[in-house]
Amino acid sequence: PEKQKEEIVSLNDLIESIIGERPKFFRAPFGQNTDYSRQIAAE
């Protein structure tokens, strides 16, 4: 779960630093979401 959060949130931080806004859509690799990745995406 800790690594899942890092994979998602750190990329949002990076994208925001480049384009000035955070993404509104999340697509999991291989289409494989977990309960925790769903929670992080919602947060």
ModelCIF file with pLDDT and N, C-alpha, C, O atoms, coordinates in Angstrom:
data_MODEL
#
_entry.id   MODEL 
#
_entity.id                         1 
_entity.type                       polymer 
_entity.pdbx_number_of_molecules   1 
#
_entity_poly.entity_id                      1 
_entity_poly.type                           'polypeptide(L)' 
_entity_poly.nstd_linkage                   no 
_entity_poly.nstd_monomer                   no 
_entity_poly.pdbx_seq_one_letter_code       PEKQKEEIVSLNDLIESIIGERPKFFRAPFGQNTDYSRQIAAE 
_entity_poly.pdbx_seq_one_letter_code_can   PEKQKEEIVSLNDLIESIIGERPKFFRAPFGQNTDYSRQIAAE 
_entity_poly.pdbx_strand_id                 A 
#
loop_
_entity_poly_seq.entity_id 
_entity_poly_seq.num 
_entity_poly_seq.mon_id 
_entity_poly_seq.hetero 
1 1  PRO n 
1 2  GLU n 
1 3  LYS n 
1 4  GLN n 
1 5  LYS n 
1 6  GLU n 
1 7  GLU n 
1 8  ILE n 
1 9  VAL n 
1 10 SER n 
1 11 LEU n 
1 12 ASN n 
1 13 ASP n 
1 14 LEU n 
1 15 ILE n 
1 16 GLU n 
1 17 SER n 
1 18 ILE n 
1 19 ILE n 
1 20 GLY n 
1 21 GLU n 
1 22 ARG n 
1 23 PRO n 
1 24 LYS n 
1 25 PHE n 
1 26 PHE n 
1 27 ARG n 
1 28 ALA n 
1 29 PRO n 
1 30 PHE n 
1 31 GLY n 
1 32 GLN n 
1 33 ASN n 
1 34 THR n 
1 35 ASP n 
1 36 TYR n 
1 37 SER n 
1 38 ARG n 
1 39 GLN n 
1 40 ILE n 
1 41 ALA n 
1 42 ALA n 
1 43 GLU n 
#
_struct_asym.id          A 
_struct_asym.entity_id   1 
#
loop_
_ma_qa_metric.id 
_ma_qa_metric.mode 
_ma_qa_metric.name 
_ma_qa_metric.software_group_id 
_ma_qa_metric.type 
1 global pLDDT . pLDDT 
2 local  pLDDT . pLDDT 
#
_ma_qa_metric_global.metric_id      1 
_ma_qa_metric_global.metric_value   97.72 
_ma_qa_metric_global.model_id       1 
_ma_qa_metric_global.ordinal_id     1 
#
loop_
_ma_qa_metric_local.label_asym_id 
_ma_qa_metric_local.label_comp_id 
_ma_qa_metric_local.label_seq_id 
_ma_qa_metric_local.metric_id 
_ma_qa_metric_local.metric_value 
_ma_qa_metric_local.model_id 
_ma_qa_metric_local.ordinal_id 
A PRO 1  2 98.00 1 1  
A GLU 2  2 98.00 1 2  
A LYS 3  2 98.00 1 3  
A GLN 4  2 98.00 1 4  
A LYS 5  2 98.00 1 5  
A GLU 6  2 98.00 1 6  
A GLU 7  2 98.00 1 7  
A ILE 8  2 98.00 1 8  
A VAL 9  2 98.00 1 9  
A SER 10 2 98.00 1 10 
A LEU 11 2 98.00 1 11 
A ASN 12 2 98.00 1 12 
A ASP 13 2 98.00 1 13 
A LEU 14 2 98.00 1 14 
A ILE 15 2 98.00 1 15 
A GLU 16 2 98.00 1 16 
A SER 17 2 98.00 1 17 
A ILE 18 2 98.00 1 18 
A ILE 19 2 98.00 1 19 
A GLY 20 2 98.00 1 20 
A GLU 21 2 98.00 1 21 
A ARG 22 2 98.00 1 22 
A PRO 23 2 98.00 1 23 
A LYS 24 2 98.00 1 24 
A PHE 25 2 98.00 1 25 
A PHE 26 2 98.00 1 26 
A ARG 27 2 98.00 1 27 
A ALA 28 2 98.00 1 28 
A PRO 29 2 97.00 1 29 
A PHE 30 2 95.00 1 30 
A GLY 31 2 95.00 1 31 
A GLN 32 2 96.00 1 32 
A ASN 33 2 97.00 1 33 
A THR 34 2 98.00 1 34 
A ASP 35 2 98.00 1 35 
A TYR 36 2 98.00 1 36 
A SER 37 2 98.00 1 37 
A ARG 38 2 97.00 1 38 
A GLN 39 2 98.00 1 39 
A ILE 40 2 98.00 1 40 
A ALA 41 2 98.00 1 41 
A ALA 42 2 97.00 1 42 
A GLU 43 2 98.00 1 43 
#
loop_
_atom_site.group_PDB 
_atom_site.id 
_atom_site.type_symbol 
_atom_site.label_atom_id 
_atom_site.label_alt_id 
_atom_site.label_comp_id 
_atom_site.label_asym_id 
_atom_site.label_entity_id 
_atom_site.label_seq_id 
_atom_site.pdbx_PDB_ins_code 
_atom_site.Cartn_x 
_atom_site.Cartn_y 
_atom_site.Cartn_z 
_atom_site.occupancy 
_atom_site.B_iso_or_equiv 
_atom_site.pdbx_formal_charge 
_atom_site.auth_seq_id 
_atom_site.auth_comp_id 
_atom_site.auth_asym_id 
_atom_site.auth_atom_id 
_atom_site.pdbx_PDB_model_num 
ATOM 1   N N  . PRO A 1 1  ? 0.807   -1.217 0.000   1.00 98.00 ? 1  PRO A N  1 
ATOM 2   C CA . PRO A 1 1  ? 0.000   0.000  0.000   1.00 98.00 ? 1  PRO A CA 1 
ATOM 3   C C  . PRO A 1 1  ? 0.843   1.272  0.000   1.00 98.00 ? 1  PRO A C  1 
ATOM 4   O O  . PRO A 1 1  ? 0.504   2.249  -0.667  1.00 98.00 ? 1  PRO A O  1 
ATOM 5   N N  . GLU A 1 2  ? 1.935   1.253  0.747   1.00 98.00 ? 2  GLU A N  1 
ATOM 6   C CA . GLU A 1 2  ? 2.805   2.436  0.786   1.00 98.00 ? 2  GLU A CA 1 
ATOM 7   C C  . GLU A 1 2  ? 3.389   2.729  -0.588  1.00 98.00 ? 2  GLU A C  1 
ATOM 8   O O  . GLU A 1 2  ? 3.462   3.884  -1.009  1.00 98.00 ? 2  GLU A O  1 
ATOM 9   N N  . LYS A 1 3  ? 3.803   1.680  -1.279  1.00 98.00 ? 3  LYS A N  1 
ATOM 10  C CA . LYS A 1 3  ? 4.377   1.852  -2.610  1.00 98.00 ? 3  LYS A CA 1 
ATOM 11  C C  . LYS A 1 3  ? 3.309   2.286  -3.616  1.00 98.00 ? 3  LYS A C  1 
ATOM 12  O O  . LYS A 1 3  ? 3.588   3.086  -4.509  1.00 98.00 ? 3  LYS A O  1 
ATOM 13  N N  . GLN A 1 4  ? 2.090   1.762  -3.474  1.00 98.00 ? 4  GLN A N  1 
ATOM 14  C CA . GLN A 1 4  ? 0.999   2.172  -4.357  1.00 98.00 ? 4  GLN A CA 1 
ATOM 15  C C  . GLN A 1 4  ? 0.765   3.678  -4.239  1.00 98.00 ? 4  GLN A C  1 
ATOM 16  O O  . GLN A 1 4  ? 0.617   4.376  -5.243  1.00 98.00 ? 4  GLN A O  1 
ATOM 17  N N  . LYS A 1 5  ? 0.735   4.164  -3.003  1.00 98.00 ? 5  LYS A N  1 
ATOM 18  C CA . LYS A 1 5  ? 0.518   5.603  -2.785  1.00 98.00 ? 5  LYS A CA 1 
ATOM 19  C C  . LYS A 1 5  ? 1.643   6.416  -3.413  1.00 98.00 ? 5  LYS A C  1 
ATOM 20  O O  . LYS A 1 5  ? 1.398   7.455  -4.026  1.00 98.00 ? 5  LYS A O  1 
ATOM 21  N N  . GLU A 1 6  ? 2.868   5.945  -3.261  1.00 98.00 ? 6  GLU A N  1 
ATOM 22  C CA . GLU A 1 6  ? 4.012   6.652  -3.841  1.00 98.00 ? 6  GLU A CA 1 
ATOM 23  C C  . GLU A 1 6  ? 3.913   6.687  -5.362  1.00 98.00 ? 6  GLU A C  1 
ATOM 24  O O  . GLU A 1 6  ? 4.175   7.714  -5.988  1.00 98.00 ? 6  GLU A O  1 
ATOM 25  N N  . GLU A 1 7  ? 3.533   5.558  -5.948  1.00 98.00 ? 7  GLU A N  1 
ATOM 26  C CA . GLU A 1 7  ? 3.408   5.472  -7.408  1.00 98.00 ? 7  GLU A CA 1 
ATOM 27  C C  . GLU A 1 7  ? 2.401   6.489  -7.947  1.00 98.00 ? 7  GLU A C  1 
ATOM 28  O O  . GLU A 1 7  ? 2.604   7.058  -9.019  1.00 98.00 ? 7  GLU A O  1 
ATOM 29  N N  . ILE A 1 8  ? 1.329   6.712  -7.211  1.00 98.00 ? 8  ILE A N  1 
ATOM 30  C CA . ILE A 1 8  ? 0.252   7.588  -7.684  1.00 98.00 ? 8  ILE A CA 1 
ATOM 31  C C  . ILE A 1 8  ? 0.497   9.045  -7.308  1.00 98.00 ? 8  ILE A C  1 
ATOM 32  O O  . ILE A 1 8  ? 0.446   9.927  -8.166  1.00 98.00 ? 8  ILE A O  1 
ATOM 33  N N  . VAL A 1 9  ? 0.762   9.297  -6.035  1.00 98.00 ? 9  VAL A N  1 
ATOM 34  C CA . VAL A 1 9  ? 0.853   10.678 -5.551  1.00 98.00 ? 9  VAL A CA 1 
ATOM 35  C C  . VAL A 1 9  ? 2.116   11.368 -6.052  1.00 98.00 ? 9  VAL A C  1 
ATOM 36  O O  . VAL A 1 9  ? 2.074   12.543 -6.416  1.00 98.00 ? 9  VAL A O  1 
ATOM 37  N N  . SER A 1 10 ? 3.229   10.659 -6.074  1.00 98.00 ? 10 SER A N  1 
ATOM 38  C CA . SER A 1 10 ? 4.466   11.300 -6.531  1.00 98.00 ? 10 SER A CA 1 
ATOM 39  C C  . SER A 1 10 ? 4.362   11.726 -7.988  1.00 98.00 ? 10 SER A C  1 
ATOM 40  O O  . SER A 1 10 ? 4.929   12.743 -8.387  1.00 98.00 ? 10 SER A O  1 
ATOM 41  N N  . LEU A 1 11 ? 3.634   10.944 -8.783  1.00 98.00 ? 11 LEU A N  1 
ATOM 42  C CA . LEU A 1 11 ? 3.442   11.341 -10.186 1.00 98.00 ? 11 LEU A CA 1 
ATOM 43  C C  . LEU A 1 11 ? 2.538   12.561 -10.282 1.00 98.00 ? 11 LEU A C  1 
ATOM 44  O O  . LEU A 1 11 ? 2.790   13.457 -11.088 1.00 98.00 ? 11 LEU A O  1 
ATOM 45  N N  . ASN A 1 12 ? 1.495   12.603 -9.477  1.00 98.00 ? 12 ASN A N  1 
ATOM 46  C CA . ASN A 1 12 ? 0.653   13.806 -9.466  1.00 98.00 ? 12 ASN A CA 1 
ATOM 47  C C  . ASN A 1 12 ? 1.464   15.041 -9.101  1.00 98.00 ? 12 ASN A C  1 
ATOM 48  O O  . ASN A 1 12 ? 1.299   16.100 -9.707  1.00 98.00 ? 12 ASN A O  1 
ATOM 49  N N  . ASP A 1 13 ? 2.337   14.905 -8.115  1.00 98.00 ? 13 ASP A N  1 
ATOM 50  C CA . ASP A 1 13 ? 3.188   16.024 -7.709  1.00 98.00 ? 13 ASP A CA 1 
ATOM 51  C C  . ASP A 1 13 ? 4.083   16.466 -8.865  1.00 98.00 ? 13 ASP A C  1 
ATOM 52  O O  . ASP A 1 13 ? 4.248   17.660 -9.118  1.00 98.00 ? 13 ASP A O  1 
ATOM 53  N N  . LEU A 1 14 ? 4.656   15.484 -9.559  1.00 98.00 ? 14 LEU A N  1 
ATOM 54  C CA . LEU A 1 14 ? 5.551   15.788 -10.677 1.00 98.00 ? 14 LEU A CA 1 
ATOM 55  C C  . LEU A 1 14 ? 4.789   16.459 -11.819 1.00 98.00 ? 14 LEU A C  1 
ATOM 56  O O  . LEU A 1 14 ? 5.246   17.461 -12.371 1.00 98.00 ? 14 LEU A O  1 
ATOM 57  N N  . ILE A 1 15 ? 3.634   15.908 -12.169 1.00 98.00 ? 15 ILE A N  1 
ATOM 58  C CA . ILE A 1 15 ? 2.836   16.497 -13.245 1.00 98.00 ? 15 ILE A CA 1 
ATOM 59  C C  . ILE A 1 15 ? 2.448   17.931 -12.908 1.00 98.00 ? 15 ILE A C  1 
ATOM 60  O O  . ILE A 1 15 ? 2.529   18.819 -13.757 1.00 98.00 ? 15 ILE A O  1 
ATOM 61  N N  . GLU A 1 16 ? 2.028   18.155 -11.666 1.00 98.00 ? 16 GLU A N  1 
ATOM 62  C CA . GLU A 1 16 ? 1.646   19.507 -11.256 1.00 98.00 ? 16 GLU A CA 1 
ATOM 63  C C  . GLU A 1 16 ? 2.818   20.474 -11.367 1.00 98.00 ? 16 GLU A C  1 
ATOM 64  O O  . GLU A 1 16 ? 2.636   21.632 -11.741 1.00 98.00 ? 16 GLU A O  1 
ATOM 65  N N  . SER A 1 17 ? 4.012   20.005 -11.045 1.00 98.00 ? 17 SER A N  1 
ATOM 66  C CA . SER A 1 17 ? 5.194   20.878 -11.130 1.00 98.00 ? 17 SER A CA 1 
ATOM 67  C C  . SER A 1 17 ? 5.517   21.262 -12.570 1.00 98.00 ? 17 SER A C  1 
ATOM 68  O O  . SER A 1 17 ? 6.179   22.271 -12.815 1.00 98.00 ? 17 SER A O  1 
ATOM 69  N N  . ILE A 1 18 ? 5.047   20.452 -13.526 1.00 98.00 ? 18 ILE A N  1 
ATOM 70  C CA . ILE A 1 18 ? 5.342   20.699 -14.941 1.00 98.00 ? 18 ILE A CA 1 
ATOM 71  C C  . ILE A 1 18 ? 4.255   21.511 -15.620 1.00 98.00 ? 18 ILE A C  1 
ATOM 72  O O  . ILE A 1 18 ? 4.553   22.461 -16.344 1.00 98.00 ? 18 ILE A O  1 
ATOM 73  N N  . ILE A 1 19 ? 2.988   21.146 -15.396 1.00 98.00 ? 19 ILE A N  1 
ATOM 74  C CA . ILE A 1 19 ? 1.895   21.796 -16.136 1.00 98.00 ? 19 ILE A CA 1 
ATOM 75  C C  . ILE A 1 19 ? 1.029   22.704 -15.262 1.00 98.00 ? 19 ILE A C  1 
ATOM 76  O O  . ILE A 1 19 ? 0.152   23.403 -15.770 1.00 98.00 ? 19 ILE A O  1 
ATOM 77  N N  . GLY A 1 20 ? 1.274   22.693 -13.947 1.00 98.00 ? 20 GLY A N  1 
ATOM 78  C CA . GLY A 1 20 ? 0.548   23.607 -13.070 1.00 98.00 ? 20 GLY A CA 1 
ATOM 79  C C  . GLY A 1 20 ? -0.787  23.105 -12.566 1.00 98.00 ? 20 GLY A C  1 
ATOM 80  O O  . GLY A 1 20 ? -1.524  23.856 -11.927 1.00 98.00 ? 20 GLY A O  1 
ATOM 81  N N  . GLU A 1 21 ? -1.119  21.842 -12.840 1.00 98.00 ? 21 GLU A N  1 
ATOM 82  C CA . GLU A 1 21 ? -2.368  21.279 -12.336 1.00 98.00 ? 21 GLU A CA 1 
ATOM 83  C C  . GLU A 1 21 ? -2.223  19.779 -12.166 1.00 98.00 ? 21 GLU A C  1 
ATOM 84  O O  . GLU A 1 21 ? -1.367  19.147 -12.786 1.00 98.00 ? 21 GLU A O  1 
ATOM 85  N N  . ARG A 1 22 ? -3.076  19.219 -11.315 1.00 98.00 ? 22 ARG A N  1 
ATOM 86  C CA . ARG A 1 22 ? -3.029  17.789 -11.050 1.00 98.00 ? 22 ARG A CA 1 
ATOM 87  C C  . ARG A 1 22 ? -4.009  17.056 -11.967 1.00 98.00 ? 22 ARG A C  1 
ATOM 88  O O  . ARG A 1 22 ? -5.022  17.627 -12.372 1.00 98.00 ? 22 ARG A O  1 
ATOM 89  N N  . PRO A 1 23 ? -3.718  15.810 -12.294 1.00 98.00 ? 23 PRO A N  1 
ATOM 90  C CA . PRO A 1 23 ? -4.600  15.048 -13.182 1.00 98.00 ? 23 PRO A CA 1 
ATOM 91  C C  . PRO A 1 23 ? -5.982  14.813 -12.578 1.00 98.00 ? 23 PRO A C  1 
ATOM 92  O O  . PRO A 1 23 ? -6.145  14.756 -11.359 1.00 98.00 ? 23 PRO A O  1 
ATOM 93  N N  . LYS A 1 24 ? -6.968  14.679 -13.455 1.00 98.00 ? 24 LYS A N  1 
ATOM 94  C CA . LYS A 1 24 ? -8.337  14.391 -13.037 1.00 98.00 ? 24 LYS A CA 1 
ATOM 95  C C  . LYS A 1 24 ? -8.727  12.942 -13.324 1.00 98.00 ? 24 LYS A C  1 
ATOM 96  O O  . LYS A 1 24 ? -9.797  12.489 -12.915 1.00 98.00 ? 24 LYS A O  1 
ATOM 97  N N  . PHE A 1 25 ? -7.854  12.218 -14.028 1.00 98.00 ? 25 PHE A N  1 
ATOM 98  C CA . PHE A 1 25 ? -8.146  10.832 -14.383 1.00 98.00 ? 25 PHE A CA 1 
ATOM 99  C C  . PHE A 1 25 ? -6.989  9.933  -13.976 1.00 98.00 ? 25 PHE A C  1 
ATOM 100 O O  . PHE A 1 25 ? -5.823  10.315 -14.079 1.00 98.00 ? 25 PHE A O  1 
ATOM 101 N N  . PHE A 1 26 ? -7.326  8.723  -13.510 1.00 98.00 ? 26 PHE A N  1 
ATOM 102 C CA . PHE A 1 26 ? -6.306  7.737  -13.137 1.00 98.00 ? 26 PHE A CA 1 
ATOM 103 C C  . PHE A 1 26 ? -6.576  6.425  -13.858 1.00 98.00 ? 26 PHE A C  1 
ATOM 104 O O  . PHE A 1 26 ? -7.690  5.902  -13.827 1.00 98.00 ? 26 PHE A O  1 
ATOM 105 N N  . ARG A 1 27 ? -5.552  5.905  -14.501 1.00 98.00 ? 27 ARG A N  1 
ATOM 106 C CA . ARG A 1 27 ? -5.635  4.587  -15.134 1.00 98.00 ? 27 ARG A CA 1 
ATOM 107 C C  . ARG A 1 27 ? -4.517  3.718  -14.569 1.00 98.00 ? 27 ARG A C  1 
ATOM 108 O O  . ARG A 1 27 ? -3.335  4.033  -14.708 1.00 98.00 ? 27 ARG A O  1 
ATOM 109 N N  . ALA A 1 28 ? -4.909  2.629  -13.937 1.00 98.00 ? 28 ALA A N  1 
ATOM 110 C CA . ALA A 1 28 ? -3.931  1.716  -13.352 1.00 98.00 ? 28 ALA A CA 1 
ATOM 111 C C  . ALA A 1 28 ? -3.252  0.899  -14.439 1.00 98.00 ? 28 ALA A C  1 
ATOM 112 O O  . ALA A 1 28 ? -3.904  0.524  -15.414 1.00 98.00 ? 28 ALA A O  1 
ATOM 113 N N  . PRO A 1 29 ? -1.963  0.612  -14.302 1.00 97.00 ? 29 PRO A N  1 
ATOM 114 C CA . PRO A 1 29 ? -1.292  -0.282 -15.253 1.00 97.00 ? 29 PRO A CA 1 
ATOM 115 C C  . PRO A 1 29 ? -2.015  -1.625 -15.330 1.00 97.00 ? 29 PRO A C  1 
ATOM 116 O O  . PRO A 1 29 ? -2.411  -2.185 -14.308 1.00 97.00 ? 29 PRO A O  1 
ATOM 117 N N  . PHE A 1 30 ? -2.181  -2.127 -16.532 1.00 95.00 ? 30 PHE A N  1 
ATOM 118 C CA . PHE A 1 30 ? -2.848  -3.395 -16.803 1.00 95.00 ? 30 PHE A CA 1 
ATOM 119 C C  . PHE A 1 30 ? -4.322  -3.380 -16.399 1.00 95.00 ? 30 PHE A C  1 
ATOM 120 O O  . PHE A 1 30 ? -4.966  -4.429 -16.380 1.00 95.00 ? 30 PHE A O  1 
ATOM 121 N N  . GLY A 1 31 ? -4.866  -2.197 -16.075 1.00 95.00 ? 31 GLY A N  1 
ATOM 122 C CA . GLY A 1 31 ? -6.248  -2.100 -15.642 1.00 95.00 ? 31 GLY A CA 1 
ATOM 123 C C  . GLY A 1 31 ? -6.497  -2.696 -14.275 1.00 95.00 ? 31 GLY A C  1 
ATOM 124 O O  . GLY A 1 31 ? -7.639  -2.993 -13.924 1.00 95.00 ? 31 GLY A O  1 
ATOM 125 N N  . GLN A 1 32 ? -5.427  -2.876 -13.487 1.00 96.00 ? 32 GLN A N  1 
ATOM 126 C CA . GLN A 1 32 ? -5.513  -3.590 -12.221 1.00 96.00 ? 32 GLN A CA 1 
ATOM 127 C C  . GLN A 1 32 ? -5.540  -2.628 -11.031 1.00 96.00 ? 32 GLN A C  1 
ATOM 128 O O  . GLN A 1 32 ? -4.493  -2.291 -10.478 1.00 96.00 ? 32 GLN A O  1 
ATOM 129 N N  . ASN A 1 33 ? -6.711  -2.198 -10.650 1.00 97.00 ? 33 ASN A N  1 
ATOM 130 C CA . ASN A 1 33 ? -6.852  -1.392 -9.447  1.00 97.00 ? 33 ASN A CA 1 
ATOM 131 C C  . ASN A 1 33 ? -6.938  -2.286 -8.216  1.00 97.00 ? 33 ASN A C  1 
ATOM 132 O O  . ASN A 1 33 ? -7.307  -3.457 -8.301  1.00 97.00 ? 33 ASN A O  1 
ATOM 133 N N  . THR A 1 34 ? -6.593  -1.714 -7.082  1.00 98.00 ? 34 THR A N  1 
ATOM 134 C CA . THR A 1 34 ? -6.793  -2.357 -5.793  1.00 98.00 ? 34 THR A CA 1 
ATOM 135 C C  . THR A 1 34 ? -7.742  -1.485 -4.989  1.00 98.00 ? 34 THR A C  1 
ATOM 136 O O  . THR A 1 34 ? -8.035  -0.349 -5.362  1.00 98.00 ? 34 THR A O  1 
ATOM 137 N N  . ASP A 1 35 ? -8.218  -2.036 -3.878  1.00 98.00 ? 35 ASP A N  1 
ATOM 138 C CA . ASP A 1 35 ? -9.074  -1.226 -3.011  1.00 98.00 ? 35 ASP A CA 1 
ATOM 139 C C  . ASP A 1 35 ? -8.323  0.019  -2.553  1.00 98.00 ? 35 ASP A C  1 
ATOM 140 O O  . ASP A 1 35 ? -8.905  1.098  -2.441  1.00 98.00 ? 35 ASP A O  1 
ATOM 141 N N  . TYR A 1 36 ? -7.021  -0.138 -2.289  1.00 98.00 ? 36 TYR A N  1 
ATOM 142 C CA . TYR A 1 36 ? -6.252  1.003  -1.792  1.00 98.00 ? 36 TYR A CA 1 
ATOM 143 C C  . TYR A 1 36 ? -5.972  2.015  -2.899  1.00 98.00 ? 36 TYR A C  1 
ATOM 144 O O  . TYR A 1 36 ? -6.016  3.221  -2.654  1.00 98.00 ? 36 TYR A O  1 
ATOM 145 N N  . SER A 1 37 ? -5.689  1.552  -4.096  1.00 98.00 ? 37 SER A N  1 
ATOM 146 C CA . SER A 1 37 ? -5.453  2.508  -5.191  1.00 98.00 ? 37 SER A CA 1 
ATOM 147 C C  . SER A 1 37 ? -6.716  3.296  -5.499  1.00 98.00 ? 37 SER A C  1 
ATOM 148 O O  . SER A 1 37 ? -6.645  4.470  -5.863  1.00 98.00 ? 37 SER A O  1 
ATOM 149 N N  . ARG A 1 38 ? -7.873  2.657  -5.357  1.00 97.00 ? 38 ARG A N  1 
ATOM 150 C CA . ARG A 1 38 ? -9.141  3.360  -5.528  1.00 97.00 ? 38 ARG A CA 1 
ATOM 151 C C  . ARG A 1 38 ? -9.293  4.444  -4.464  1.00 97.00 ? 38 ARG A C  1 
ATOM 152 O O  . ARG A 1 38 ? -9.754  5.549  -4.749  1.00 97.00 ? 38 ARG A O  1 
ATOM 153 N N  . GLN A 1 39 ? -8.905  4.117  -3.255  1.00 98.00 ? 39 GLN A N  1 
ATOM 154 C CA . GLN A 1 39 ? -8.984  5.090  -2.161  1.00 98.00 ? 39 GLN A CA 1 
ATOM 155 C C  . GLN A 1 39 ? -8.063  6.276  -2.416  1.00 98.00 ? 39 GLN A C  1 
ATOM 156 O O  . GLN A 1 39 ? -8.458  7.429  -2.239  1.00 98.00 ? 39 GLN A O  1 
ATOM 157 N N  . ILE A 1 40 ? -6.830  5.985  -2.834  1.00 98.00 ? 40 ILE A N  1 
ATOM 158 C CA . ILE A 1 40 ? -5.870  7.057  -3.099  1.00 98.00 ? 40 ILE A CA 1 
ATOM 159 C C  . ILE A 1 40 ? -6.350  7.931  -4.251  1.00 98.00 ? 40 ILE A C  1 
ATOM 160 O O  . ILE A 1 40 ? -6.247  9.156  -4.187  1.00 98.00 ? 40 ILE A O  1 
ATOM 161 N N  . ALA A 1 41 ? -6.870  7.310  -5.297  1.00 98.00 ? 41 ALA A N  1 
ATOM 162 C CA . ALA A 1 41 ? -7.387  8.084  -6.435  1.00 98.00 ? 41 ALA A CA 1 
ATOM 163 C C  . ALA A 1 41 ? -8.505  9.012  -5.979  1.00 98.00 ? 41 ALA A C  1 
ATOM 164 O O  . ALA A 1 41 ? -8.565  10.167 -6.402  1.00 98.00 ? 41 ALA A O  1 
ATOM 165 N N  . ALA A 1 42 ? -9.389  8.515  -5.119  1.00 97.00 ? 42 ALA A N  1 
ATOM 166 C CA . ALA A 1 42 ? -10.482 9.341  -4.607  1.00 97.00 ? 42 ALA A CA 1 
ATOM 167 C C  . ALA A 1 42 ? -9.945  10.490 -3.769  1.00 97.00 ? 42 ALA A C  1 
ATOM 168 O O  . ALA A 1 42 ? -10.430 11.616 -3.880  1.00 97.00 ? 42 ALA A O  1 
ATOM 169 N N  . GLU A 1 43 ? -8.948  10.218 -2.930  1.00 98.00 ? 43 GLU A N  1 
ATOM 170 C CA . GLU A 1 43 ? -8.352  11.273 -2.116  1.00 98.00 ? 43 GLU A CA 1 
ATOM 171 C C  . GLU A 1 43 ? -7.673  12.330 -2.984  1.00 98.00 ? 43 GLU A C  1 
ATOM 172 O O  . GLU A 1 43 ? -7.117  13.295 -2.459  1.00 98.00 ? 43 GLU A O  1 
#
